[in-house]
Amino acid sequence: MTKEKNENPFQLAAKIPKKMKVFLWGAAGTGKTTLALQFPSPVVIDLEGGTDLYGDRTEFSVLKTIDLAEIKGALAWLKAEQHSYETVIIDPITIFGSNARLTGRRFF
């Protein structure tokens, strides 16, 4: 079957949800957290209480902890449950890595 001469041969591209991993690195005060909180529907695992500075600037949910088991549980909950969060921020990741090394636990 042939298409009509004036029929549009194009179709809309599929809208597939995309997942992206971003690692922000820089000196203190350069805006890493501010930038991360601009991503869609953020939830923050706050390892040093730094989100206290941003609650009046933007809306986000936060878990304040340094406990690896609690972090693992929160990530498992995000993976298993329905929620509106689109962005997961672990701030700062350096503390997360340090705690994992100190306890000798493999996290992932």
PDB file of N, CA and C in Angstrom:
ATOM      1  N   MET A   1       0.841  -1.170   0.000  1.00  0.00           N
ATOM      2  CA  MET A   1       0.000   0.000   0.000  1.00  0.00           C
ATOM      3  C   MET A   1       0.895   1.244   0.000  1.00  0.00           C
ATOM      4  N   THR A   2       0.623   2.174  -0.845  1.00  0.00           N
ATOM      5  CA  THR A   2       1.414   3.402  -0.924  1.00  0.00           C
ATOM      6  C   THR A   2       0.719   4.530  -0.178  1.00  0.00           C
ATOM      7  N   LYS A   3       1.523   5.454   0.295  1.00  0.00           N
ATOM      8  CA  LYS A   3       0.984   6.601   1.019  1.00  0.00           C
ATOM      9  C   LYS A   3       0.571   7.670   0.030  1.00  0.00           C
ATOM     10  N   GLU A   4      -0.413   8.427   0.438  1.00  0.00           N
ATOM     11  CA  GLU A   4      -0.817   9.568  -0.375  1.00  0.00           C
ATOM     12  C   GLU A   4       0.368  10.502  -0.535  1.00  0.00           C
ATOM     13  N   LYS A   5       0.428  11.189  -1.633  1.00  0.00           N
ATOM     14  CA  LYS A   5       1.557  12.061  -1.924  1.00  0.00           C
ATOM     15  C   LYS A   5       1.766  13.131  -0.853  1.00  0.00           C
ATOM     16  N   ASN A   6       0.715  13.699  -0.316  1.00  0.00           N
ATOM     17  CA  ASN A   6       0.838  14.784   0.656  1.00  0.00           C
ATOM     18  C   ASN A   6       0.732  14.312   2.098  1.00  0.00           C
ATOM     19  N   GLU A   7       0.680  13.021   2.336  1.00  0.00           N
ATOM     20  CA  GLU A   7       0.566  12.511   3.702  1.00  0.00           C
ATOM     21  C   GLU A   7       1.910  12.646   4.417  1.00  0.00           C
ATOM     22  N   ASN A   8       1.860  13.111   5.647  1.00  0.00           N
ATOM     23  CA  ASN A   8       3.065  13.323   6.445  1.00  0.00           C
ATOM     24  C   ASN A   8       3.723  11.973   6.752  1.00  0.00           C
ATOM     25  N   PRO A   9       4.983  11.777   6.367  1.00  0.00           N
ATOM     26  CA  PRO A   9       5.653  10.500   6.620  1.00  0.00           C
ATOM     27  C   PRO A   9       6.223  10.383   8.035  1.00  0.00           C
ATOM     28  N   PHE A  10       6.136  11.453   8.820  1.00  0.00           N
ATOM     29  CA  PHE A  10       6.728  11.471  10.152  1.00  0.00           C
ATOM     30  C   PHE A  10       5.685  11.167  11.212  1.00  0.00           C
ATOM     31  N   GLN A  11       6.153  10.657  12.333  1.00  0.00           N
ATOM     32  CA  GLN A  11       5.286  10.434  13.487  1.00  0.00           C
ATOM     33  C   GLN A  11       5.975  11.001  14.721  1.00  0.00           C
ATOM     34  N   LEU A  12       5.181  11.303  15.741  1.00  0.00           N
ATOM     35  CA  LEU A  12       5.760  11.819  16.974  1.00  0.00           C
ATOM     36  C   LEU A  12       6.689  10.784  17.600  1.00  0.00           C
ATOM     37  N   ALA A  13       7.784  11.260  18.130  1.00  0.00           N
ATOM     38  CA  ALA A  13       8.724  10.368  18.809  1.00  0.00           C
ATOM     39  C   ALA A  13       8.079   9.830  20.076  1.00  0.00           C
ATOM     40  N   ALA A  14       8.446   8.622  20.442  1.00  0.00           N
ATOM     41  CA  ALA A  14       7.926   8.013  21.666  1.00  0.00           C
ATOM     42  C   ALA A  14       8.414   8.798  22.877  1.00  0.00           C
ATOM     43  N   LYS A  15       7.557   8.914  23.878  1.00  0.00           N
ATOM     44  CA  LYS A  15       7.927   9.595  25.116  1.00  0.00           C
ATOM     45  C   LYS A  15       8.267   8.535  26.151  1.00  0.00           C
ATOM     46  N   ILE A  16       9.532   8.219  26.225  1.00  0.00           N
ATOM     47  CA  ILE A  16      10.023   7.182  27.128  1.00  0.00           C
ATOM     48  C   ILE A  16      10.691   7.865  28.314  1.00  0.00           C
ATOM     49  N   PRO A  17      10.292   7.506  29.535  1.00  0.00           N
ATOM     50  CA  PRO A  17      10.954   8.115  30.700  1.00  0.00           C
ATOM     51  C   PRO A  17      12.454   7.825  30.675  1.00  0.00           C
ATOM     52  N   LYS A  18      13.222   8.856  30.900  1.00  0.00           N
ATOM     53  CA  LYS A  18      14.675   8.713  30.858  1.00  0.00           C
ATOM     54  C   LYS A  18      15.241   8.810  32.265  1.00  0.00           C
ATOM     55  N   LYS A  19      16.268   8.045  32.520  1.00  0.00           N
ATOM     56  CA  LYS A  19      16.965   8.106  33.799  1.00  0.00           C
ATOM     57  C   LYS A  19      18.377   8.579  33.525  1.00  0.00           C
ATOM     58  N   MET A  20      18.826   9.475  34.364  1.00  0.00           N
ATOM     59  CA  MET A  20      20.145  10.035  34.188  1.00  0.00           C
ATOM     60  C   MET A  20      20.857  10.013  35.535  1.00  0.00           C
ATOM     61  N   LYS A  21      22.140   9.753  35.509  1.00  0.00           N
ATOM     62  CA  LYS A  21      22.958   9.825  36.713  1.00  0.00           C
ATOM     63  C   LYS A  21      23.901  11.004  36.542  1.00  0.00           C
ATOM     64  N   VAL A  22      23.921  11.868  37.546  1.00  0.00           N
ATOM     65  CA  VAL A  22      24.764  13.058  37.499  1.00  0.00           C
ATOM     66  C   VAL A  22      25.577  13.106  38.785  1.00  0.00           C
ATOM     67  N   PHE A  23      26.838  13.351  38.658  1.00  0.00           N
ATOM     68  CA  PHE A  23      27.721  13.513  39.813  1.00  0.00           C
ATOM     69  C   PHE A  23      28.225  14.949  39.774  1.00  0.00           C
ATOM     70  N   LEU A  24      27.881  15.739  40.791  1.00  0.00           N
ATOM     71  CA  LEU A  24      28.336  17.122  40.865  1.00  0.00           C
ATOM     72  C   LEU A  24      29.499  17.203  41.837  1.00  0.00           C
ATOM     73  N   TRP A  25      30.588  17.791  41.398  1.00  0.00           N
ATOM     74  CA  TRP A  25      31.768  17.902  42.229  1.00  0.00           C
ATOM     75  C   TRP A  25      32.274  19.331  42.159  1.00  0.00           C
ATOM     76  N   GLY A  26      32.682  19.851  43.285  1.00  0.00           N
ATOM     77  CA  GLY A  26      33.246  21.193  43.322  1.00  0.00           C
ATOM     78  C   GLY A  26      33.495  21.607  44.756  1.00  0.00           C
ATOM     79  N   ALA A  27      34.127  22.737  44.897  1.00  0.00           N
ATOM     80  CA  ALA A  27      34.444  23.266  46.225  1.00  0.00           C
ATOM     81  C   ALA A  27      33.171  23.670  46.956  1.00  0.00           C
ATOM     82  N   ALA A  28      33.257  23.724  48.275  1.00  0.00           N
ATOM     83  CA  ALA A  28      32.117  24.148  49.085  1.00  0.00           C
ATOM     84  C   ALA A  28      31.660  25.535  48.647  1.00  0.00           C
ATOM     85  N   GLY A  29      30.341  25.711  48.576  1.00  0.00           N
ATOM     86  CA  GLY A  29      29.784  27.013  48.247  1.00  0.00           C
ATOM     87  C   GLY A  29      29.675  27.332  46.774  1.00  0.00           C
ATOM     88  N   THR A  30      29.958  26.367  45.898  1.00  0.00           N
ATOM     89  CA  THR A  30      29.903  26.637  44.459  1.00  0.00           C
ATOM     90  C   THR A  30      28.512  26.433  43.855  1.00  0.00           C
ATOM     91  N   GLY A  31      27.569  25.916  44.630  1.00  0.00           N
ATOM     92  CA  GLY A  31      26.201  25.796  44.138  1.00  0.00           C
ATOM     93  C   GLY A  31      25.758  24.398  43.745  1.00  0.00           C
ATOM     94  N   LYS A  32      26.485  23.380  44.176  1.00  0.00           N
ATOM     95  CA  LYS A  32      26.130  22.000  43.807  1.00  0.00           C
ATOM     96  C   LYS A  32      24.737  21.631  44.316  1.00  0.00           C
ATOM     97  N   THR A  33      24.465  21.881  45.575  1.00  0.00           N
ATOM     98  CA  THR A  33      23.165  21.540  46.150  1.00  0.00           C
ATOM     99  C   THR A  33      22.073  22.407  45.546  1.00  0.00           C
ATOM    100  N   THR A  34      22.344  23.686  45.390  1.00  0.00           N
ATOM    101  CA  THR A  34      21.365  24.590  44.771  1.00  0.00           C
ATOM    102  C   THR A  34      20.984  24.088  43.389  1.00  0.00           C
ATOM    103  N   LEU A  35      21.956  23.684  42.606  1.00  0.00           N
ATOM    104  CA  LEU A  35      21.678  23.147  41.275  1.00  0.00           C
ATOM    105  C   LEU A  35      20.891  21.850  41.357  1.00  0.00           C
ATOM    106  N   ALA A  36      21.311  20.946  42.216  1.00  0.00           N
ATOM    107  CA  ALA A  36      20.643  19.648  42.324  1.00  0.00           C
ATOM    108  C   ALA A  36      19.180  19.814  42.715  1.00  0.00           C
ATOM    109  N   LEU A  37      18.880  20.782  43.567  1.00  0.00           N
ATOM    110  CA  LEU A  37      17.500  20.991  43.999  1.00  0.00           C
ATOM    111  C   LEU A  37      16.611  21.574  42.905  1.00  0.00           C
ATOM    112  N   GLN A  38      17.205  21.985  41.790  1.00  0.00           N
ATOM    113  CA  GLN A  38      16.423  22.480  40.654  1.00  0.00           C
ATOM    114  C   GLN A  38      15.932  21.347  39.757  1.00  0.00           C
ATOM    115  N   PHE A  39      16.456  20.143  39.958  1.00  0.00           N
ATOM    116  CA  PHE A  39      15.999  18.992  39.186  1.00  0.00           C
ATOM    117  C   PHE A  39      14.554  18.684  39.583  1.00  0.00           C
ATOM    118  N   PRO A  40      13.809  17.957  38.739  1.00  0.00           N
ATOM    119  CA  PRO A  40      12.386  17.705  39.024  1.00  0.00           C
ATOM    120  C   PRO A  40      12.140  16.899  40.291  1.00  0.00           C
ATOM    121  N   SER A  41      11.167  17.307  41.072  1.00  0.00           N
ATOM    122  CA  SER A  41      10.650  16.593  42.254  1.00  0.00           C
ATOM    123  C   SER A  41      11.749  15.924  43.089  1.00  0.00           C
ATOM    124  N   PRO A  42      12.627  16.714  43.707  1.00  0.00           N
ATOM    125  CA  PRO A  42      13.752  16.107  44.417  1.00  0.00           C
ATOM    126  C   PRO A  42      13.413  15.568  45.800  1.00  0.00           C
ATOM    127  N   VAL A  43      14.139  14.533  46.166  1.00  0.00           N
ATOM    128  CA  VAL A  43      14.174  14.018  47.531  1.00  0.00           C
ATOM    129  C   VAL A  43      15.664  13.931  47.890  1.00  0.00           C
ATOM    130  N   VAL A  44      15.994  14.357  49.102  1.00  0.00           N
ATOM    131  CA  VAL A  44      17.400  14.448  49.496  1.00  0.00           C
ATOM    132  C   VAL A  44      17.694  13.523  50.665  1.00  0.00           C
ATOM    133  N   ILE A  45      18.757  12.752  50.541  1.00  0.00           N
ATOM    134  CA  ILE A  45      19.329  12.043  51.677  1.00  0.00           C
ATOM    135  C   ILE A  45      20.477  12.934  52.137  1.00  0.00           C
ATOM    136  N   ASP A  46      20.232  13.626  53.243  1.00  0.00           N
ATOM    137  CA  ASP A  46      21.127  14.671  53.742  1.00  0.00           C
ATOM    138  C   ASP A  46      22.033  14.085  54.817  1.00  0.00           C
ATOM    139  N   LEU A  47      23.311  14.003  54.518  1.00  0.00           N
ATOM    140  CA  LEU A  47      24.269  13.369  55.414  1.00  0.00           C
ATOM    141  C   LEU A  47      25.008  14.343  56.326  1.00  0.00           C
ATOM    142  N   GLU A  48      24.772  15.651  56.162  1.00  0.00           N
ATOM    143  CA  GLU A  48      25.466  16.598  57.036  1.00  0.00           C
ATOM    144  C   GLU A  48      24.604  17.779  57.468  1.00  0.00           C
ATOM    145  N   GLY A  49      23.310  17.719  57.238  1.00  0.00           N
ATOM    146  CA  GLY A  49      22.423  18.789  57.668  1.00  0.00           C
ATOM    147  C   GLY A  49      22.460  20.023  56.792  1.00  0.00           C
ATOM    148  N   GLY A  50      23.027  19.905  55.612  1.00  0.00           N
ATOM    149  CA  GLY A  50      23.157  21.052  54.724  1.00  0.00           C
ATOM    150  C   GLY A  50      21.857  21.536  54.108  1.00  0.00           C
ATOM    151  N   THR A  51      20.833  20.699  54.082  1.00  0.00           N
ATOM    152  CA  THR A  51      19.578  21.114  53.458  1.00  0.00           C
ATOM    153  C   THR A  51      18.825  22.144  54.288  1.00  0.00           C
ATOM    154  N   ASP A  52      19.221  22.333  55.533  1.00  0.00           N
ATOM    155  CA  ASP A  52      18.573  23.340  56.369  1.00  0.00           C
ATOM    156  C   ASP A  52      18.629  24.723  55.721  1.00  0.00           C
ATOM    157  N   LEU A  53      19.610  24.951  54.888  1.00  0.00           N
ATOM    158  CA  LEU A  53      19.795  26.249  54.240  1.00  0.00           C
ATOM    159  C   LEU A  53      18.845  26.487  53.068  1.00  0.00           C
ATOM    160  N   TYR A  54      18.151  25.446  52.604  1.00  0.00           N
ATOM    161  CA  TYR A  54      17.401  25.553  51.358  1.00  0.00           C
ATOM    162  C   TYR A  54      15.888  25.389  51.489  1.00  0.00           C
ATOM    163  N   GLY A  55      15.404  25.046  52.677  1.00  0.00           N
ATOM    164  CA  GLY A  55      13.981  24.779  52.859  1.00  0.00           C
ATOM    165  C   GLY A  55      13.081  25.950  52.535  1.00  0.00           C
ATOM    166  N   ASP A  56      13.589  27.177  52.674  1.00  0.00           N
ATOM    167  CA  ASP A  56      12.776  28.342  52.366  1.00  0.00           C
ATOM    168  C   ASP A  56      12.884  28.773  50.907  1.00  0.00           C
ATOM    169  N   ARG A  57      13.752  28.115  50.129  1.00  0.00           N
ATOM    170  CA  ARG A  57      13.966  28.490  48.725  1.00  0.00           C
ATOM    171  C   ARG A  57      13.189  27.631  47.737  1.00  0.00           C
ATOM    172  N   THR A  58      13.031  26.363  48.068  1.00  0.00           N
ATOM    173  CA  THR A  58      12.382  25.431  47.148  1.00  0.00           C
ATOM    174  C   THR A  58      11.735  24.313  47.946  1.00  0.00           C
ATOM    175  N   GLU A  59      10.817  23.595  47.314  1.00  0.00           N
ATOM    176  CA  GLU A  59      10.124  22.512  48.008  1.00  0.00           C
ATOM    177  C   GLU A  59      10.785  21.178  47.685  1.00  0.00           C
ATOM    178  N   PHE A  60      11.126  20.434  48.730  1.00  0.00           N
ATOM    179  CA  PHE A  60      11.715  19.109  48.560  1.00  0.00           C
ATOM    180  C   PHE A  60      11.521  18.330  49.852  1.00  0.00           C
ATOM    181  N   SER A  61      11.665  17.019  49.751  1.00  0.00           N
ATOM    182  CA  SER A  61      11.596  16.143  50.922  1.00  0.00           C
ATOM    183  C   SER A  61      13.007  15.737  51.307  1.00  0.00           C
ATOM    184  N   VAL A  62      13.206  15.433  52.589  1.00  0.00           N
ATOM    185  CA  VAL A  62      14.560  15.159  53.063  1.00  0.00           C
ATOM    186  C   VAL A  62      14.551  14.061  54.116  1.00  0.00           C
ATOM    187  N   LEU A  63      15.599  13.265  54.103  1.00  0.00           N
ATOM    188  CA  LEU A  63      15.900  12.304  55.160  1.00  0.00           C
ATOM    189  C   LEU A  63      17.282  12.687  55.683  1.00  0.00           C
ATOM    190  N   LYS A  64      17.357  13.043  56.947  1.00  0.00           N
ATOM    191  CA  LYS A  64      18.647  13.391  57.552  1.00  0.00           C
ATOM    192  C   LYS A  64      19.158  12.184  58.313  1.00  0.00           C
ATOM    193  N   THR A  65      20.272  11.644  57.846  1.00  0.00           N
ATOM    194  CA  THR A  65      20.846  10.453  58.469  1.00  0.00           C
ATOM    195  C   THR A  65      22.284  10.264  58.004  1.00  0.00           C
ATOM    196  N   ILE A  66      23.045   9.519  58.774  1.00  0.00           N
ATOM    197  CA  ILE A  66      24.354   9.027  58.320  1.00  0.00           C
ATOM    198  C   ILE A  66      24.413   7.512  58.488  1.00  0.00           C
ATOM    199  N   ASP A  67      23.300   6.919  58.876  1.00  0.00           N
ATOM    200  CA  ASP A  67      23.232   5.483  59.116  1.00  0.00           C
ATOM    201  C   ASP A  67      23.073   4.736  57.791  1.00  0.00           C
ATOM    202  N   LEU A  68      24.034   3.879  57.471  1.00  0.00           N
ATOM    203  CA  LEU A  68      24.003   3.163  56.195  1.00  0.00           C
ATOM    204  C   LEU A  68      22.763   2.295  56.034  1.00  0.00           C
ATOM    205  N   ALA A  69      22.319   1.656  57.106  1.00  0.00           N
ATOM    206  CA  ALA A  69      21.118   0.819  57.025  1.00  0.00           C
ATOM    207  C   ALA A  69      19.889   1.675  56.715  1.00  0.00           C
ATOM    208  N   GLU A  70      19.826   2.848  57.295  1.00  0.00           N
ATOM    209  CA  GLU A  70      18.696   3.744  57.032  1.00  0.00           C
ATOM    210  C   GLU A  70      18.731   4.262  55.588  1.00  0.00           C
ATOM    211  N   ILE A  71      19.912   4.561  55.092  1.00  0.00           N
ATOM    212  CA  ILE A  71      20.068   4.996  53.702  1.00  0.00           C
ATOM    213  C   ILE A  71      19.645   3.877  52.760  1.00  0.00           C
ATOM    214  N   LYS A  72      20.114   2.671  53.030  1.00  0.00           N
ATOM    215  CA  LYS A  72      19.757   1.524  52.202  1.00  0.00           C
ATOM    216  C   LYS A  72      18.245   1.301  52.218  1.00  0.00           C
ATOM    217  N   GLY A  73      17.623   1.412  53.386  1.00  0.00           N
ATOM    218  CA  GLY A  73      16.180   1.257  53.497  1.00  0.00           C
ATOM    219  C   GLY A  73      15.432   2.322  52.713  1.00  0.00           C
ATOM    220  N   ALA A  74      15.920   3.563  52.772  1.00  0.00           N
ATOM    221  CA  ALA A  74      15.277   4.651  52.034  1.00  0.00           C
ATOM    222  C   ALA A  74      15.382   4.430  50.527  1.00  0.00           C
ATOM    223  N   LEU A  75      16.553   4.002  50.063  1.00  0.00           N
ATOM    224  CA  LEU A  75      16.723   3.738  48.637  1.00  0.00           C
ATOM    225  C   LEU A  75      15.858   2.560  48.186  1.00  0.00           C
ATOM    226  N   ALA A  76      15.753   1.536  49.018  1.00  0.00           N
ATOM    227  CA  ALA A  76      14.888   0.392  48.701  1.00  0.00           C
ATOM    228  C   ALA A  76      13.430   0.833  48.628  1.00  0.00           C
ATOM    229  N   TRP A  77      13.016   1.707  49.551  1.00  0.00           N
ATOM    230  CA  TRP A  77      11.647   2.223  49.529  1.00  0.00           C
ATOM    231  C   TRP A  77      11.387   2.993  48.248  1.00  0.00           C
ATOM    232  N   LEU A  78      12.331   3.838  47.842  1.00  0.00           N
ATOM    233  CA  LEU A  78      12.174   4.614  46.609  1.00  0.00           C
ATOM    234  C   LEU A  78      12.042   3.697  45.389  1.00  0.00           C
ATOM    235  N   LYS A  79      12.790   2.610  45.413  1.00  0.00           N
ATOM    236  CA  LYS A  79      12.754   1.674  44.287  1.00  0.00           C
ATOM    237  C   LYS A  79      11.452   0.873  44.250  1.00  0.00           C
ATOM    238  N   ALA A  80      10.919   0.513  45.399  1.00  0.00           N
ATOM    239  CA  ALA A  80       9.786  -0.412  45.466  1.00  0.00           C
ATOM    240  C   ALA A  80       8.420   0.268  45.489  1.00  0.00           C
ATOM    241  N   GLU A  81       8.342   1.463  46.024  1.00  0.00           N
ATOM    242  CA  GLU A  81       7.043   2.098  46.252  1.00  0.00           C
ATOM    243  C   GLU A  81       6.723   3.150  45.199  1.00  0.00           C
ATOM    244  N   GLN A  82       5.444   3.395  45.022  1.00  0.00           N
ATOM    245  CA  GLN A  82       5.024   4.487  44.149  1.00  0.00           C
ATOM    246  C   GLN A  82       5.153   5.789  44.911  1.00  0.00           C
ATOM    247  N   HIS A  83       5.713   6.787  44.268  1.00  0.00           N
ATOM    248  CA  HIS A  83       5.892   8.102  44.879  1.00  0.00           C
ATOM    249  C   HIS A  83       6.037   9.130  43.768  1.00  0.00           C
ATOM    250  N   SER A  84       6.063  10.372  44.146  1.00  0.00           N
ATOM    251  CA  SER A  84       6.152  11.448  43.151  1.00  0.00           C
ATOM    252  C   SER A  84       7.581  11.954  42.941  1.00  0.00           C
ATOM    253  N   TYR A  85       8.556  11.394  43.633  1.00  0.00           N
ATOM    254  CA  TYR A  85       9.932  11.862  43.503  1.00  0.00           C
ATOM    255  C   TYR A  85      10.507  11.452  42.155  1.00  0.00           C
ATOM    256  N   GLU A  86      11.212  12.385  41.528  1.00  0.00           N
ATOM    257  CA  GLU A  86      11.854  12.105  40.248  1.00  0.00           C
ATOM    258  C   GLU A  86      13.378  12.187  40.337  1.00  0.00           C
ATOM    259  N   THR A  87      13.872  12.830  41.386  1.00  0.00           N
ATOM    260  CA  THR A  87      15.312  13.044  41.542  1.00  0.00           C
ATOM    261  C   THR A  87      15.731  12.634  42.949  1.00  0.00           C
ATOM    262  N   VAL A  88      16.778  11.829  43.049  1.00  0.00           N
ATOM    263  CA  VAL A  88      17.337  11.443  44.342  1.00  0.00           C
ATOM    264  C   VAL A  88      18.697  12.120  44.475  1.00  0.00           C
ATOM    265  N   ILE A  89      18.854  12.853  45.560  1.00  0.00           N
ATOM    266  CA  ILE A  89      20.111  13.570  45.834  1.00  0.00           C
ATOM    267  C   ILE A  89      20.706  12.994  47.116  1.00  0.00           C
ATOM    268  N   ILE A  90      21.967  12.582  47.055  1.00  0.00           N
ATOM    269  CA  ILE A  90      22.704  12.179  48.254  1.00  0.00           C
ATOM    270  C   ILE A  90      23.754  13.260  48.465  1.00  0.00           C
ATOM    271  N   ASP A  91      23.635  13.985  49.584  1.00  0.00           N
ATOM    272  CA  ASP A  91      24.443  15.180  49.780  1.00  0.00           C
ATOM    273  C   ASP A  91      25.043  15.213  51.174  1.00  0.00           C
ATOM    274  N   PRO A  92      26.351  15.236  51.277  1.00  0.00           N
ATOM    275  CA  PRO A  92      27.347  15.037  50.234  1.00  0.00           C
ATOM    276  C   PRO A  92      27.713  13.559  50.105  1.00  0.00           C
ATOM    277  N   ILE A  93      27.992  13.141  48.926  1.00  0.00           N
ATOM    278  CA  ILE A  93      28.321  11.735  48.661  1.00  0.00           C
ATOM    279  C   ILE A  93      29.642  11.353  49.327  1.00  0.00           C
ATOM    280  N   THR A  94      30.523  12.320  49.566  1.00  0.00           N
ATOM    281  CA  THR A  94      31.817  12.003  50.193  1.00  0.00           C
ATOM    282  C   THR A  94      31.635  11.427  51.585  1.00  0.00           C
ATOM    283  N   ILE A  95      30.683  11.931  52.345  1.00  0.00           N
ATOM    284  CA  ILE A  95      30.417  11.379  53.682  1.00  0.00           C
ATOM    285  C   ILE A  95      29.877   9.969  53.567  1.00  0.00           C
ATOM    286  N   PHE A  96      29.023   9.735  52.589  1.00  0.00           N
ATOM    287  CA  PHE A  96      28.468   8.412  52.347  1.00  0.00           C
ATOM    288  C   PHE A  96      29.592   7.412  52.103  1.00  0.00           C
ATOM    289  N   GLY A  97      30.512   7.753  51.216  1.00  0.00           N
ATOM    290  CA  GLY A  97      31.641   6.875  50.915  1.00  0.00           C
ATOM    291  C   GLY A  97      32.541   6.663  52.115  1.00  0.00           C
ATOM    292  N   SER A  98      32.791   7.712  52.865  1.00  0.00           N
ATOM    293  CA  SER A  98      33.643   7.606  54.057  1.00  0.00           C
ATOM    294  C   SER A  98      33.029   6.678  55.091  1.00  0.00           C
ATOM    295  N   ASN A  99      31.721   6.803  55.333  1.00  0.00           N
ATOM    296  CA  ASN A  99      31.049   5.934  56.305  1.00  0.00           C
ATOM    297  C   ASN A  99      31.091   4.482  55.862  1.00  0.00           C
ATOM    298  N   ALA A 100      30.920   4.233  54.587  1.00  0.00           N
ATOM    299  CA  ALA A 100      30.961   2.860  54.081  1.00  0.00           C
ATOM    300  C   ALA A 100      32.351   2.268  54.277  1.00  0.00           C
ATOM    301  N   ARG A 101      33.384   3.045  54.000  1.00  0.00           N
ATOM    302  CA  ARG A 101      34.751   2.537  54.181  1.00  0.00           C
ATOM    303  C   ARG A 101      35.070   2.302  55.658  1.00  0.00           C
ATOM    304  N   LEU A 102      34.608   3.195  56.516  1.00  0.00           N
ATOM    305  CA  LEU A 102      34.899   3.050  57.948  1.00  0.00           C
ATOM    306  C   LEU A 102      34.247   1.815  58.543  1.00  0.00           C
ATOM    307  N   THR A 103      33.066   1.478  58.076  1.00  0.00           N
ATOM    308  CA  THR A 103      32.363   0.324  58.614  1.00  0.00           C
ATOM    309  C   THR A 103      32.767  -0.966  57.897  1.00  0.00           C
ATOM    310  N   GLY A 104      33.465  -0.835  56.773  1.00  0.00           N
ATOM    311  CA  GLY A 104      33.865  -2.023  56.022  1.00  0.00           C
ATOM    312  C   GLY A 104      32.702  -2.685  55.304  1.00  0.00           C
ATOM    313  N   ARG A 105      31.582  -1.993  55.177  1.00  0.00           N
ATOM    314  CA  ARG A 105      30.389  -2.585  54.544  1.00  0.00           C
ATOM    315  C   ARG A 105      30.345  -2.193  53.066  1.00  0.00           C
ATOM    316  N   ARG A 106      30.027  -3.155  52.247  1.00  0.00           N
ATOM    317  CA  ARG A 106      29.736  -2.865  50.846  1.00  0.00           C
ATOM    318  C   ARG A 106      28.278  -2.494  50.783  1.00  0.00           C
ATOM    319  N   PHE A 107      27.994  -1.401  50.149  1.00  0.00           N
ATOM    320  CA  PHE A 107      26.631  -0.923  50.118  1.00  0.00           C
ATOM    321  C   PHE A 107      25.878  -1.373  48.876  1.00  0.00           C
ATOM    322  N   PHE A 108      26.537  -1.357  47.751  1.00  0.00           N
ATOM    323  CA  PHE A 108      25.879  -1.742  46.498  1.00  0.00           C
ATOM    324  C   PHE A 108      26.434  -3.036  45.984  1.00  0.00           C
TER     325      PHE A 108
END
